[in-house]
Amino acid sequence: MREAGANVEHAGSAFASSTQDHVWLEGCGKQGWIVLNRDERIRYRRLEIEALRDHGVAAFCFTGGNVTADETADIIVPLIQKFVNMSISEPKPFLYTFGRSARPNPVKLR
């Protein structure tokens, strides 16, 4: 993603590896960062959903299964500008999942 020109911050370098998901999601929201992850279960976890909602997070979750890092990059890199545009034009918070088809699907944050 960096090679494609994206300004990327890895959560592992911004937060301790032991940081719970809802805590780093809060930090991302406070920074105004767009979250991109591969945690398919995030949409089912109450604390994570609350962190997304309470801190106005724009999040995208790759649900493409077992693919290599290169395959994942091939799917994500063409979507970067679309994700940025969505994070500007759509009200936050939001969570979209996307798979190999690269079609973002909204997840209701209940």
Protein backbone atom coordinates (compact mmCIF):
# COMPACT_ATOMS: atom_id res chain seq x y z
CA MET A 1 0.00 0.00 0.00
CA ARG A 2 2.87 2.34 0.72
CA GLU A 3 4.34 1.56 -2.68
CA ALA A 4 1.00 2.65 -4.16
CA GLY A 5 1.34 6.00 -2.38
CA ALA A 6 -0.89 5.42 0.63
CA ASN A 7 0.04 6.90 3.99
CA VAL A 8 -0.20 3.78 6.16
CA GLU A 9 0.22 3.32 9.89
CA HIS A 10 0.32 -0.25 11.15
CA ALA A 11 -1.63 -0.64 14.39
CA GLY A 12 1.21 -2.80 15.71
CA SER A 13 3.60 0.14 15.52
CA ALA A 14 1.14 2.67 16.95
CA PHE A 15 -0.15 0.51 19.81
CA ALA A 16 1.39 -2.20 21.97
CA SER A 17 0.73 -5.70 20.65
CA SER A 18 -1.22 -6.50 23.81
CA THR A 19 -3.65 -3.61 23.24
CA GLN A 20 -7.22 -4.83 23.11
CA ASP A 21 -9.10 -4.26 19.87
CA HIS A 22 -11.63 -1.82 21.30
CA VAL A 23 -8.80 0.32 22.70
CA TRP A 24 -6.82 0.62 19.47
CA LEU A 25 -10.05 1.21 17.55
CA GLU A 26 -10.74 4.13 19.90
CA GLY A 27 -7.24 5.46 19.20
CA CYS A 28 -7.77 5.17 15.45
CA GLY A 29 -11.05 7.05 15.76
CA LYS A 30 -9.41 9.83 17.75
CA GLN A 31 -6.67 10.12 15.10
CA GLY A 32 -9.22 10.11 12.28
CA TRP A 33 -7.55 7.10 10.71
CA ILE A 34 -9.30 4.76 8.31
CA VAL A 35 -9.17 1.24 9.71
CA LEU A 36 -8.38 -1.63 7.38
CA ASN A 37 -8.24 -5.08 8.91
CA ARG A 38 -8.78 -8.78 8.29
CA ASP A 39 -10.72 -9.61 11.46
CA GLU A 40 -13.91 -11.16 10.09
CA ARG A 41 -15.34 -11.44 13.60
CA ILE A 42 -15.10 -7.71 14.42
CA ARG A 43 -18.69 -7.18 13.30
CA TYR A 44 -19.93 -9.60 15.97
CA ARG A 45 -18.04 -8.29 19.00
CA ARG A 46 -19.92 -5.86 21.20
CA LEU A 47 -16.88 -3.92 22.50
CA GLU A 48 -15.45 -3.47 19.01
CA ILE A 49 -18.80 -2.33 17.59
CA GLU A 50 -19.18 0.13 20.48
CA ALA A 51 -15.66 1.47 19.86
CA LEU A 52 -16.41 1.94 16.16
CA ARG A 53 -19.68 3.74 16.98
CA ASP A 54 -18.51 5.78 19.95
CA HIS A 55 -15.36 7.08 18.25
CA GLY A 56 -16.62 7.68 14.72
CA VAL A 57 -14.40 5.11 13.04
CA ALA A 58 -14.42 4.49 9.29
CA ALA A 59 -13.55 0.80 8.95
CA PHE A 60 -13.10 -1.72 6.18
CA CYS A 61 -12.65 -5.42 6.84
CA PHE A 62 -11.21 -7.83 4.29
CA THR A 63 -13.07 -11.14 4.45
CA GLY A 64 -11.40 -12.87 1.53
CA GLY A 65 -10.21 -15.88 3.46
CA ASN A 66 -6.79 -17.44 3.14
CA VAL A 67 -4.91 -15.41 0.57
CA THR A 68 -1.29 -14.41 0.52
CA ALA A 69 -0.10 -10.91 1.39
CA ASP A 70 0.57 -10.26 -2.30
CA GLU A 71 -2.92 -11.42 -3.27
CA THR A 72 -4.41 -9.26 -0.55
CA ALA A 73 -2.45 -6.25 -1.80
CA ASP A 74 -3.66 -6.91 -5.35
CA ILE A 75 -7.23 -6.65 -4.07
CA ILE A 76 -6.77 -3.72 -1.68
CA VAL A 77 -4.47 -1.34 -3.56
CA PRO A 78 -7.01 -0.53 -6.30
CA LEU A 79 -9.57 0.19 -3.56
CA ILE A 80 -7.50 2.68 -1.54
CA GLN A 81 -8.81 5.81 -3.23
CA LYS A 82 -12.37 4.50 -3.06
CA PHE A 83 -11.97 3.90 0.69
CA VAL A 84 -10.58 7.40 1.19
CA ASN A 85 -13.45 8.90 -0.80
CA MET A 86 -15.99 6.89 1.21
CA SER A 87 -14.42 8.01 4.48
CA ILE A 88 -14.83 11.63 3.36
CA SER A 89 -18.32 11.41 1.86
CA GLU A 90 -20.09 9.01 4.20
CA PRO A 91 -21.11 9.74 7.76
CA LYS A 92 -19.04 7.94 10.35
CA PRO A 93 -19.04 5.55 12.00
CA PHE A 94 -19.25 2.81 9.43
CA LEU A 95 -17.99 -0.68 8.78
CA TYR A 96 -17.79 -2.31 5.37
CA THR A 97 -16.66 -5.82 4.62
CA PHE A 98 -15.18 -6.79 1.28
CA GLY A 99 -13.79 -9.97 -0.16
CA ARG A 100 -12.08 -11.10 -3.30
CA SER A 101 -14.81 -9.44 -5.39
CA ALA A 102 -13.62 -6.08 -3.93
CA ARG A 103 -17.25 -4.97 -3.51
CA PRO A 104 -17.74 -3.19 -0.16
CA ASN A 105 -20.77 -4.40 1.79
CA PRO A 106 -22.12 -2.25 4.63
CA VAL A 107 -22.45 -3.76 8.09
CA LYS A 108 -25.09 -2.34 10.37
CA LEU A 109 -23.50 -1.15 13.62
CA ARG A 110 -26.25 -2.01 16.07
